[in-house]
Structures are given as C-alpha cells and as structure tokens.
Amino acid sequence: MQISTIAIIGGLGKTGGRVAERLKERGIMVRAASRSTTPRFDWQERSTWRQALEGASTAYVTFQPDLSVDWAAEAIGVLAKTAAEAGVGHIVLLSGRGEDGAVRSEERLKAAGIDYTVLRASWFSQNFSEGAFMDGILQGKLALPAGDVPEPFIDADDIADAAVECLIDPRHRNQTYELTGPYALTFRQAVSEIAAASNRTVQYETVPIEAFIAEMTAYGLPQETTDLLHELFTQVLDGRNSPVMDGVSQILGRKAKNFSDYARETAATGIWSVQP
C-alpha cells in the first residue's frame, strides 16, 4: 500500500505531536493541522476542514474538547464524509473508554463509508506532567473527585506508537482496540509513585464532585467543560474502565509501559522539581 501524506488533526496535542514526530522519522510526509497551523483546522469552523485533509491518504484524528460532548458525534460523521470526499481512505480515531458519547462518535465514523481504526485509550499518564494535574503536583497537593477506583493509565508514547502502526499497516483497518497500561492504580497511588520518583512530598486529597465542579465554575470554566468533567469523574471513573486490556500488545507486539517507569523517566527530566 502506498502512503502519501498523513494528516494529523490535532497535530500539536499530546498524542498528535508524538505521532507526527514518529512518522517524520520514517520519512512519511505529515500535515499537522490545528488552529495555529497553515492550513488551519478548527472544530468550530467547518470551512477549515477540507483544506486540512485534501491530498492526504490517511488521517489521525483527535477531537477537542472530548468525544463525550453533545455535538461530537455529528461532527465526527461530517468530518469523515468530508475526508472521504477529499480522497482520504482511512481515519484512525483516538477515542475514550467507557464514554457513551465516544461510542456514538465511533458509530458515526463507521457509518461514513471510510476505512477506520478506533483506539480507545484510558487516562493518559501525561496528564500528571503535561496536562491538567501538573499544577497540583508542583504545588504539592492534588485534589480531585476520584477515590479508590483504579485506572490503568496509558503512556502517550504507547498511544503514538500504536497510532503510527495503525496508520501505515492496513491489517489494522476496520478494527477497534482498547489501549491501557499493564496494571491499574488509584489516583492516590499514582501520586505516591510520582512523589517517590521525584523525591518530593506530594499529597492527594479526594474531594466531593459537587465541590470540585463548584470550584471549577468559580474559576470561570463554561458549563460545557464542567459537564464534561462531571461525566469523566463519575461515569468514566465508576470502575467500568479498571480492567487491563491488551490493545498495545496486539498492535505492537510488546507490553505497554508501566506507570512506575513513566514516573521515574519523567522525574529524571526535572519537570516536577520545585525551584527554591
């Protein structure tokens, strides 16, 4: 199979940037598309979609803010049809585990008449170093409405490695994979691992979901975002996603990176160090 350009929708994100780097290392032409690129891509401006996709044979798609929002499924369906009209033959969609909205988006993609691969990923390990949990780690206390339900955190590098294989190997077309780490641990245990790896005191506090949402609202987050957070910390973290799955080994033929290795390697970069 001949691969021309691969479009990456969300090409500057946690996984999109990693996918782009890996494809370039293989000598494959990449078009990273986001609101700050040329051509630009904006989920809120559909007039930007076709130009970002034209000339690509395959696309890796990450949706913002999250596939669970109300308008995501319809947008994914329109994007898939636009991609097919632009000559794209295959879409690899990064999805989430245990999200009803994500399943609806997956179904719209599958109904669009284009080859697909769905990667359902658990919570990213990198949320603690590149995302929303970073400030709490640096401040020495992370407070979230997540109790003792374990989550098999997945490393973004594993997601990127899996996505690249699915983009270039036709054997992964029209398949759905669940990507998790090799074991599950609670948020409290994850923070403890980070504290040990970084040789710092970092506390974890479980807070009521209502208090957490009220605090986020007070910070000025819009209702769409707070509704999303409520779903993520209740529905998605109700235990349904605790089981470990073998999607990484199915695609890559190796085990997923464990959280301890992620914590140790990330701590070695100094990113969690607090300057005096």
C-alpha atoms as a PDB file:
ATOM      1  CA  MET A   1       0.000   0.000   0.000  1.00  0.00           C
ATOM      2  CA  GLN A   2       1.333   3.413  -0.988  1.00  0.00           C
ATOM      3  CA  ILE A   3       1.187   6.116   1.658  1.00  0.00           C
ATOM      4  CA  SER A   4       1.257   9.737   0.606  1.00  0.00           C
ATOM      5  CA  THR A   5       0.678  12.479   3.140  1.00  0.00           C
ATOM      6  CA  ILE A   6      -0.842  11.667   6.511  1.00  0.00           C
ATOM      7  CA  ALA A   7      -2.993  14.408   8.021  1.00  0.00           C
ATOM      8  CA  ILE A   8      -2.956  14.770  11.795  1.00  0.00           C
ATOM      9  CA  ILE A   9      -5.981  16.593  13.169  1.00  0.00           C
ATOM     10  CA  GLY A  10      -4.804  17.921  16.500  1.00  0.00           C
ATOM     11  CA  GLY A  11      -1.202  17.757  15.352  1.00  0.00           C
ATOM     12  CA  LEU A  12       0.171  19.781  18.258  1.00  0.00           C
ATOM     13  CA  GLY A  13      -1.527  17.820  21.036  1.00  0.00           C
ATOM     14  CA  LYS A  14      -0.193  15.207  23.469  1.00  0.00           C
ATOM     15  CA  THR A  15      -0.528  12.349  21.016  1.00  0.00           C
ATOM     16  CA  GLY A  16      -0.710  14.237  17.724  1.00  0.00           C
ATOM     17  CA  GLY A  17       2.724  15.774  18.142  1.00  0.00           C
ATOM     18  CA  ARG A  18       4.216  12.421  19.040  1.00  0.00           C
ATOM     19  CA  VAL A  19       2.586  10.736  16.051  1.00  0.00           C
ATOM     20  CA  ALA A  20       3.934  13.441  13.733  1.00  0.00           C
ATOM     21  CA  GLU A  21       7.483  13.016  15.045  1.00  0.00           C
ATOM     22  CA  ARG A  22       7.406   9.257  14.564  1.00  0.00           C
ATOM     23  CA  LEU A  23       6.025   9.453  11.041  1.00  0.00           C
ATOM     24  CA  LYS A  24       8.641  12.009  10.026  1.00  0.00           C
ATOM     25  CA  GLU A  25      11.366   9.724  11.374  1.00  0.00           C
ATOM     26  CA  ARG A  26      10.072   7.077   8.965  1.00  0.00           C
ATOM     27  CA  GLY A  27      10.264   9.506   6.057  1.00  0.00           C
ATOM     28  CA  ILE A  28       6.489   9.885   5.723  1.00  0.00           C
ATOM     29  CA  MET A  29       5.072  13.281   4.817  1.00  0.00           C
ATOM     30  CA  VAL A  30       2.926  14.753   7.572  1.00  0.00           C
ATOM     31  CA  ARG A  31       0.442  17.599   7.635  1.00  0.00           C
ATOM     32  CA  ALA A  32      -0.197  18.630  11.227  1.00  0.00           C
ATOM     33  CA  ALA A  33      -3.409  20.616  11.442  1.00  0.00           C
ATOM     34  CA  SER A  34      -4.677  22.718  14.320  1.00  0.00           C
ATOM     35  CA  ARG A  35      -5.957  26.218  14.955  1.00  0.00           C
ATOM     36  CA  SER A  36      -2.401  27.604  14.801  1.00  0.00           C
ATOM     37  CA  THR A  37      -1.141  25.837  11.655  1.00  0.00           C
ATOM     38  CA  THR A  38      -1.336  26.581   7.952  1.00  0.00           C
ATOM     39  CA  PRO A  39      -3.632  25.262   6.683  1.00  0.00           C
ATOM     40  CA  ARG A  40      -5.522  25.651   9.913  1.00  0.00           C
ATOM     41  CA  PHE A  41      -8.130  23.337  11.347  1.00  0.00           C
ATOM     42  CA  ASP A  42     -10.767  24.382  13.841  1.00  0.00           C
ATOM     43  CA  TRP A  43     -13.511  22.056  15.065  1.00  0.00           C
ATOM     44  CA  GLN A  44     -15.763  25.101  15.404  1.00  0.00           C
ATOM     45  CA  GLU A  45     -15.173  26.261  11.801  1.00  0.00           C
ATOM     46  CA  ARG A  46     -16.095  23.528   9.346  1.00  0.00           C
ATOM     47  CA  SER A  47     -14.923  25.613   6.402  1.00  0.00           C
ATOM     48  CA  THR A  48     -11.355  24.791   7.531  1.00  0.00           C
ATOM     49  CA  TRP A  49     -11.768  21.031   7.432  1.00  0.00           C
ATOM     50  CA  ARG A  50     -11.448  20.109   3.747  1.00  0.00           C
ATOM     51  CA  GLN A  51      -8.251  22.051   3.071  1.00  0.00           C
ATOM     52  CA  ALA A  52      -6.564  20.350   6.024  1.00  0.00           C
ATOM     53  CA  LEU A  53      -7.484  16.934   4.605  1.00  0.00           C
ATOM     54  CA  GLU A  54      -7.011  17.318   0.856  1.00  0.00           C
ATOM     55  CA  GLY A  55      -4.095  15.366  -0.591  1.00  0.00           C
ATOM     56  CA  ALA A  56      -3.817  13.038   2.413  1.00  0.00           C
ATOM     57  CA  SER A  57      -4.271   9.289   2.101  1.00  0.00           C
ATOM     58  CA  THR A  58      -4.860   8.708   5.802  1.00  0.00           C
ATOM     59  CA  ALA A  59      -5.696  10.835   8.830  1.00  0.00           C
ATOM     60  CA  TYR A  60      -5.140  10.605  12.571  1.00  0.00           C
ATOM     61  CA  VAL A  61      -7.956  12.413  14.370  1.00  0.00           C
ATOM     62  CA  THR A  62      -8.135  13.685  17.929  1.00  0.00           C
ATOM     63  CA  PHE A  63     -11.238  15.626  18.921  1.00  0.00           C
ATOM     64  CA  GLN A  64     -11.433  18.669  21.167  1.00  0.00           C
ATOM     65  CA  PRO A  65     -12.651  19.106  23.821  1.00  0.00           C
ATOM     66  CA  ASP A  66     -13.761  15.458  24.215  1.00  0.00           C
ATOM     67  CA  LEU A  67     -15.845  12.947  22.276  1.00  0.00           C
ATOM     68  CA  SER A  68     -18.398  12.867  25.093  1.00  0.00           C
ATOM     69  CA  VAL A  69     -19.697  16.385  24.399  1.00  0.00           C
ATOM     70  CA  ASP A  70     -23.115  16.577  22.746  1.00  0.00           C
ATOM     71  CA  TRP A  71     -22.015  17.766  19.315  1.00  0.00           C
ATOM     72  CA  ALA A  72     -19.023  15.448  18.888  1.00  0.00           C
ATOM     73  CA  ALA A  73     -20.733  12.527  17.159  1.00  0.00           C
ATOM     74  CA  GLU A  74     -22.327  14.685  14.489  1.00  0.00           C
ATOM     75  CA  ALA A  75     -19.025  16.487  13.914  1.00  0.00           C
ATOM     76  CA  ILE A  76     -17.109  13.225  13.537  1.00  0.00           C
ATOM     77  CA  GLY A  77     -19.657  11.997  10.993  1.00  0.00           C
ATOM     78  CA  VAL A  78     -19.351  15.174   8.930  1.00  0.00           C
ATOM     79  CA  LEU A  79     -15.561  15.112   9.178  1.00  0.00           C
ATOM     80  CA  ALA A  80     -15.436  11.505   7.966  1.00  0.00           C
ATOM     81  CA  LYS A  81     -17.625  12.295   4.956  1.00  0.00           C
ATOM     82  CA  THR A  82     -15.540  15.388   4.206  1.00  0.00           C
ATOM     83  CA  ALA A  83     -12.387  13.295   4.418  1.00  0.00           C
ATOM     84  CA  ALA A  84     -13.791  10.693   2.021  1.00  0.00           C
ATOM     85  CA  GLU A  85     -14.777  13.426  -0.456  1.00  0.00           C
ATOM     86  CA  ALA A  86     -11.243  14.841  -0.192  1.00  0.00           C
ATOM     87  CA  GLY A  87      -9.716  11.467  -1.088  1.00  0.00           C
ATOM     88  CA  VAL A  88      -8.783  10.228   2.382  1.00  0.00           C
ATOM     89  CA  GLY A  89      -9.219   6.463   2.562  1.00  0.00           C
ATOM     90  CA  HIS A  90      -8.663   5.763   6.253  1.00  0.00           C
ATOM     91  CA  ILE A  91      -9.138   7.506   9.591  1.00  0.00           C
ATOM     92  CA  VAL A  92      -7.522   6.488  12.877  1.00  0.00           C
ATOM     93  CA  LEU A  93      -9.676   7.974  15.641  1.00  0.00           C
ATOM     94  CA  LEU A  94      -8.437   8.435  19.197  1.00  0.00           C
ATOM     95  CA  SER A  95     -11.406   7.621  21.400  1.00  0.00           C
ATOM     96  CA  GLY A  96     -12.058   7.123  25.095  1.00  0.00           C
ATOM     97  CA  ARG A  97     -13.025   4.118  27.184  1.00  0.00           C
ATOM     98  CA  GLY A  98     -16.436   3.873  28.769  1.00  0.00           C
ATOM     99  CA  GLU A  99     -17.844   7.090  27.317  1.00  0.00           C
ATOM    100  CA  ASP A 100     -21.304   6.858  25.753  1.00  0.00           C
ATOM    101  CA  GLY A 101     -20.609   9.926  23.622  1.00  0.00           C
ATOM    102  CA  ALA A 102     -17.384   8.411  22.358  1.00  0.00           C
ATOM    103  CA  VAL A 103     -19.247   5.285  21.256  1.00  0.00           C
ATOM    104  CA  ARG A 104     -21.734   7.436  19.341  1.00  0.00           C
ATOM    105  CA  SER A 105     -18.829   9.178  17.606  1.00  0.00           C
ATOM    106  CA  GLU A 106     -17.261   5.850  16.720  1.00  0.00           C
ATOM    107  CA  GLU A 107     -20.529   4.673  15.182  1.00  0.00           C
ATOM    108  CA  ARG A 108     -20.803   7.809  13.064  1.00  0.00           C
ATOM    109  CA  LEU A 109     -17.287   7.226  11.775  1.00  0.00           C
ATOM    110  CA  LYS A 110     -18.030   3.598  10.923  1.00  0.00           C
ATOM    111  CA  ALA A 111     -21.217   4.608   9.077  1.00  0.00           C
ATOM    112  CA  ALA A 112     -19.426   7.128   6.866  1.00  0.00           C
ATOM    113  CA  GLY A 113     -18.180   4.584   4.330  1.00  0.00           C
ATOM    114  CA  ILE A 114     -14.484   5.094   5.019  1.00  0.00           C
ATOM    115  CA  ASP A 115     -11.960   2.658   6.483  1.00  0.00           C
ATOM    116  CA  TYR A 116     -11.423   3.274  10.185  1.00  0.00           C
ATOM    117  CA  THR A 117      -9.371   2.259  13.187  1.00  0.00           C
ATOM    118  CA  VAL A 118     -10.605   3.171  16.667  1.00  0.00           C
ATOM    119  CA  LEU A 119      -8.135   3.487  19.530  1.00  0.00           C
ATOM    120  CA  ARG A 120      -9.948   3.625  22.865  1.00  0.00           C
ATOM    121  CA  ALA A 121      -7.434   4.946  25.374  1.00  0.00           C
ATOM    122  CA  SER A 122      -7.565   5.049  29.153  1.00  0.00           C
ATOM    123  CA  TRP A 123      -6.487   8.160  31.094  1.00  0.00           C
ATOM    124  CA  PHE A 124      -3.077   9.447  29.983  1.00  0.00           C
ATOM    125  CA  SER A 125      -0.123   9.208  32.354  1.00  0.00           C
ATOM    126  CA  GLN A 126       0.993  12.528  30.881  1.00  0.00           C
ATOM    127  CA  ASN A 127      -1.955  14.302  32.488  1.00  0.00           C
ATOM    128  CA  PHE A 128       0.344  14.489  35.514  1.00  0.00           C
ATOM    129  CA  SER A 129       3.203  16.124  33.594  1.00  0.00           C
ATOM    130  CA  GLU A 130       1.755  17.828  30.519  1.00  0.00           C
ATOM    131  CA  GLY A 131      -1.843  18.452  31.446  1.00  0.00           C
ATOM    132  CA  ALA A 132      -4.406  19.444  33.995  1.00  0.00           C
ATOM    133  CA  PHE A 133      -2.842  17.712  37.006  1.00  0.00           C
ATOM    134  CA  MET A 134       0.601  19.298  36.626  1.00  0.00           C
ATOM    135  CA  ASP A 135      -0.102  22.370  38.783  1.00  0.00           C
ATOM    136  CA  GLY A 136      -1.275  20.246  41.693  1.00  0.00           C
ATOM    137  CA  ILE A 137       1.837  18.089  41.517  1.00  0.00           C
ATOM    138  CA  LEU A 138       4.067  21.175  41.550  1.00  0.00           C
ATOM    139  CA  GLN A 139       2.117  22.717  44.432  1.00  0.00           C
ATOM    140  CA  GLY A 140       2.496  19.533  46.468  1.00  0.00           C
ATOM    141  CA  LYS A 141      -1.198  18.680  46.649  1.00  0.00           C
ATOM    142  CA  LEU A 142      -3.525  17.273  44.005  1.00  0.00           C
ATOM    143  CA  ALA A 143      -7.228  17.364  44.890  1.00  0.00           C
ATOM    144  CA  LEU A 144      -9.656  15.520  42.601  1.00  0.00           C
ATOM    145  CA  PRO A 145     -13.076  13.829  42.878  1.00  0.00           C
ATOM    146  CA  ALA A 146     -11.502  10.427  42.234  1.00  0.00           C
ATOM    147  CA  GLY A 147     -11.490   7.942  45.094  1.00  0.00           C
ATOM    148  CA  ASP A 148     -10.298   4.360  45.266  1.00  0.00           C
ATOM    149  CA  VAL A 149     -11.333   3.244  41.782  1.00  0.00           C
ATOM    150  CA  PRO A 150      -8.202   2.066  39.942  1.00  0.00           C
ATOM    151  CA  GLU A 151      -7.362   3.265  36.422  1.00  0.00           C
ATOM    152  CA  PRO A 152      -4.849   1.584  34.059  1.00  0.00           C
ATOM    153  CA  PHE A 153      -3.107   4.793  32.985  1.00  0.00           C
ATOM    154  CA  ILE A 154      -1.660   4.657  29.464  1.00  0.00           C
ATOM    155  CA  ASP A 155       1.544   6.374  28.358  1.00  0.00           C
ATOM    156  CA  ALA A 156       1.066   8.808  25.464  1.00  0.00           C
ATOM    157  CA  ASP A 157       4.167   7.348  23.810  1.00  0.00           C
ATOM    158  CA  ASP A 158       2.427   3.966  23.641  1.00  0.00           C
ATOM    159  CA  ILE A 159      -0.637   5.589  22.097  1.00  0.00           C
ATOM    160  CA  ALA A 160       1.540   7.296  19.496  1.00  0.00           C
ATOM    161  CA  ASP A 161       3.429   4.098  18.675  1.00  0.00           C
ATOM    162  CA  ALA A 162       0.143   2.239  18.253  1.00  0.00           C
ATOM    163  CA  ALA A 163      -1.382   5.004  16.143  1.00  0.00           C
ATOM    164  CA  VAL A 164       1.587   5.036  13.774  1.00  0.00           C
ATOM    165  CA  GLU A 165       1.333   1.294  13.192  1.00  0.00           C
ATOM    166  CA  CYS A 166      -2.393   1.601  12.535  1.00  0.00           C
ATOM    167  CA  LEU A 167      -1.802   4.447  10.085  1.00  0.00           C
ATOM    168  CA  ILE A 168       0.736   2.557   7.981  1.00  0.00           C
ATOM    169  CA  ASP A 169      -0.280  -1.109   8.308  1.00  0.00           C
ATOM    170  CA  PRO A 170      -3.552  -1.992   6.520  1.00  0.00           C
ATOM    171  CA  ARG A 171      -4.030  -5.051   8.739  1.00  0.00           C
ATOM    172  CA  HIS A 172      -5.342  -2.693  11.439  1.00  0.00           C
ATOM    173  CA  ARG A 173      -8.092  -1.208   9.285  1.00  0.00           C
ATOM    174  CA  ASN A 174     -11.678  -1.581  10.445  1.00  0.00           C
ATOM    175  CA  GLN A 175     -10.571  -2.665  13.908  1.00  0.00           C
ATOM    176  CA  THR A 176     -11.208  -1.310  17.405  1.00  0.00           C
ATOM    177  CA  TYR A 177      -8.523  -1.573  20.087  1.00  0.00           C
ATOM    178  CA  GLU A 178      -8.535  -0.709  23.787  1.00  0.00           C
ATOM    179  CA  LEU A 179      -5.250   0.780  24.953  1.00  0.00           C
ATOM    180  CA  THR A 180      -4.342   0.641  28.657  1.00  0.00           C
ATOM    181  CA  GLY A 181      -1.288   0.383  30.822  1.00  0.00           C
ATOM    182  CA  PRO A 182      -0.213  -3.049  32.138  1.00  0.00           C
ATOM    183  CA  TYR A 183      -1.852  -2.582  35.562  1.00  0.00           C
ATOM    184  CA  ALA A 184      -4.367  -0.307  37.264  1.00  0.00           C
ATOM    185  CA  LEU A 185      -3.751   2.002  40.212  1.00  0.00           C
ATOM    186  CA  THR A 186      -5.757   4.663  42.002  1.00  0.00           C
ATOM    187  CA  PHE A 187      -5.035   8.350  41.644  1.00  0.00           C
ATOM    188  CA  ARG A 188      -3.678   8.318  45.195  1.00  0.00           C
ATOM    189  CA  GLN A 189      -1.275   5.527  44.287  1.00  0.00           C
ATOM    190  CA  ALA A 190      -0.248   7.337  41.109  1.00  0.00           C
ATOM    191  CA  VAL A 191       0.560  10.493  43.076  1.00  0.00           C
ATOM    192  CA  SER A 192       2.531   8.396  45.572  1.00  0.00           C
ATOM    193  CA  GLU A 193       4.589   6.953  42.706  1.00  0.00           C
ATOM    194  CA  ILE A 194       5.301  10.455  41.429  1.00  0.00           C
ATOM    195  CA  ALA A 195       6.286  11.682  44.898  1.00  0.00           C
ATOM    196  CA  ALA A 196       8.722   8.801  45.338  1.00  0.00           C
ATOM    197  CA  ALA A 197      10.226   9.197  41.868  1.00  0.00           C
ATOM    198  CA  SER A 198      10.697  12.956  42.265  1.00  0.00           C
ATOM    199  CA  ASN A 199      11.835  12.739  45.916  1.00  0.00           C
ATOM    200  CA  ARG A 200       9.173  15.225  46.976  1.00  0.00           C
ATOM    201  CA  THR A 201       6.189  15.313  49.288  1.00  0.00           C
ATOM    202  CA  VAL A 202       3.045  15.359  47.191  1.00  0.00           C
ATOM    203  CA  GLN A 203      -0.308  14.771  48.840  1.00  0.00           C
ATOM    204  CA  TYR A 204      -3.510  13.537  47.282  1.00  0.00           C
ATOM    205  CA  GLU A 205      -6.970  14.522  48.516  1.00  0.00           C
ATOM    206  CA  THR A 206     -10.300  13.120  47.385  1.00  0.00           C
ATOM    207  CA  VAL A 207     -12.911  15.887  47.192  1.00  0.00           C
ATOM    208  CA  PRO A 208     -16.684  15.634  46.578  1.00  0.00           C
ATOM    209  CA  ILE A 209     -17.654  16.003  42.928  1.00  0.00           C
ATOM    210  CA  GLU A 210     -20.112  18.814  43.729  1.00  0.00           C
ATOM    211  CA  ALA A 211     -17.429  20.864  45.482  1.00  0.00           C
ATOM    212  CA  PHE A 212     -14.996  20.242  42.642  1.00  0.00           C
ATOM    213  CA  ILE A 213     -17.485  21.369  39.970  1.00  0.00           C
ATOM    214  CA  ALA A 214     -18.419  24.434  42.031  1.00  0.00           C
ATOM    215  CA  GLU A 215     -14.740  25.373  42.296  1.00  0.00           C
ATOM    216  CA  MET A 216     -14.207  24.921  38.541  1.00  0.00           C
ATOM    217  CA  THR A 217     -17.286  27.068  37.863  1.00  0.00           C
ATOM    218  CA  ALA A 218     -15.923  29.752  40.167  1.00  0.00           C
ATOM    219  CA  TYR A 219     -12.701  29.707  38.140  1.00  0.00           C
ATOM    220  CA  GLY A 220     -14.767  30.640  35.087  1.00  0.00           C
ATOM    221  CA  LEU A 221     -14.975  27.326  33.241  1.00  0.00           C
ATOM    222  CA  PRO A 222     -18.001  27.161  30.927  1.00  0.00           C
ATOM    223  CA  GLN A 223     -20.825  24.739  31.639  1.00  0.00           C
ATOM    224  CA  GLU A 224     -19.872  22.500  28.690  1.00  0.00           C
ATOM    225  CA  THR A 225     -16.490  21.956  30.329  1.00  0.00           C
ATOM    226  CA  THR A 226     -17.840  21.396  33.829  1.00  0.00           C
ATOM    227  CA  ASP A 227     -20.434  18.955  32.456  1.00  0.00           C
ATOM    228  CA  LEU A 228     -17.599  17.095  30.755  1.00  0.00           C
ATOM    229  CA  LEU A 229     -15.582  16.976  33.985  1.00  0.00           C
ATOM    230  CA  HIS A 230     -18.601  15.698  35.875  1.00  0.00           C
ATOM    231  CA  GLU A 231     -19.010  12.846  33.387  1.00  0.00           C
ATOM    232  CA  LEU A 232     -15.319  11.981  33.386  1.00  0.00           C
ATOM    233  CA  PHE A 233     -15.068  11.781  37.169  1.00  0.00           C
ATOM    234  CA  THR A 234     -18.337   9.920  37.680  1.00  0.00           C
ATOM    235  CA  GLN A 235     -19.315   7.795  34.693  1.00  0.00           C
ATOM    236  CA  VAL A 236     -15.827   7.119  33.342  1.00  0.00           C
ATOM    237  CA  LEU A 237     -14.311   6.518  36.787  1.00  0.00           C
ATOM    238  CA  ASP A 238     -17.057   4.289  38.153  1.00  0.00           C
ATOM    239  CA  GLY A 239     -14.976   1.136  37.783  1.00  0.00           C
ATOM    240  CA  ARG A 240     -16.047   0.179  34.272  1.00  0.00           C
ATOM    241  CA  ASN A 241     -12.611   1.036  32.900  1.00  0.00           C
ATOM    242  CA  SER A 242     -10.472  -0.614  35.571  1.00  0.00           C
ATOM    243  CA  PRO A 243      -9.811  -3.846  33.640  1.00  0.00           C
ATOM    244  CA  VAL A 244      -6.482  -4.007  31.813  1.00  0.00           C
ATOM    245  CA  MET A 245      -6.748  -4.599  28.063  1.00  0.00           C
ATOM    246  CA  ASP A 246      -4.182  -5.877  25.580  1.00  0.00           C
ATOM    247  CA  GLY A 247      -4.564  -3.417  22.694  1.00  0.00           C
ATOM    248  CA  VAL A 248      -0.953  -2.239  22.928  1.00  0.00           C
ATOM    249  CA  SER A 249       0.449  -5.760  22.671  1.00  0.00           C
ATOM    250  CA  GLN A 250      -1.992  -6.637  19.894  1.00  0.00           C
ATOM    251  CA  ILE A 251      -0.721  -3.763  17.773  1.00  0.00           C
ATOM    252  CA  LEU A 252       2.929  -3.500  18.810  1.00  0.00           C
ATOM    253  CA  GLY A 253       3.803  -6.994  19.965  1.00  0.00           C
ATOM    254  CA  ARG A 254       5.120  -5.716  23.305  1.00  0.00           C
ATOM    255  CA  LYS A 255       3.807  -4.738  26.700  1.00  0.00           C
ATOM    256  CA  ALA A 256       2.644  -1.240  27.480  1.00  0.00           C
ATOM    257  CA  LYS A 257       4.891   0.988  29.600  1.00  0.00           C
ATOM    258  CA  ASN A 258       4.063   0.803  33.292  1.00  0.00           C
ATOM    259  CA  PHE A 259       3.332   3.854  35.415  1.00  0.00           C
ATOM    260  CA  SER A 260       6.414   3.425  37.599  1.00  0.00           C
ATOM    261  CA  ASP A 261       8.686   3.698  34.557  1.00  0.00           C
ATOM    262  CA  TYR A 262       6.765   6.751  33.360  1.00  0.00           C
ATOM    263  CA  ALA A 263       7.136   8.409  36.774  1.00  0.00           C
ATOM    264  CA  ARG A 264      10.839   7.612  37.026  1.00  0.00           C
ATOM    265  CA  GLU A 265      11.669   8.773  33.496  1.00  0.00           C
ATOM    266  CA  THR A 266       9.602  11.941  33.832  1.00  0.00           C
ATOM    267  CA  ALA A 267      11.090  12.801  37.230  1.00  0.00           C
ATOM    268  CA  ALA A 268      14.571  12.471  35.712  1.00  0.00           C
ATOM    269  CA  THR A 269      13.775  15.350  33.338  1.00  0.00           C
ATOM    270  CA  GLY A 270      13.340  17.679  36.335  1.00  0.00           C
ATOM    271  CA  ILE A 271       9.871  18.766  35.257  1.00  0.00           C
ATOM    272  CA  TRP A 272       8.420  18.066  38.724  1.00  0.00           C
ATOM    273  CA  SER A 273      11.268  19.798  40.568  1.00  0.00           C
ATOM    274  CA  VAL A 274      10.293  22.867  42.549  1.00  0.00           C
ATOM    275  CA  GLN A 275      12.809  25.691  42.299  1.00  0.00           C
ATOM    276  CA  PRO A 276      13.669  27.412  45.612  1.00  0.00           C
END
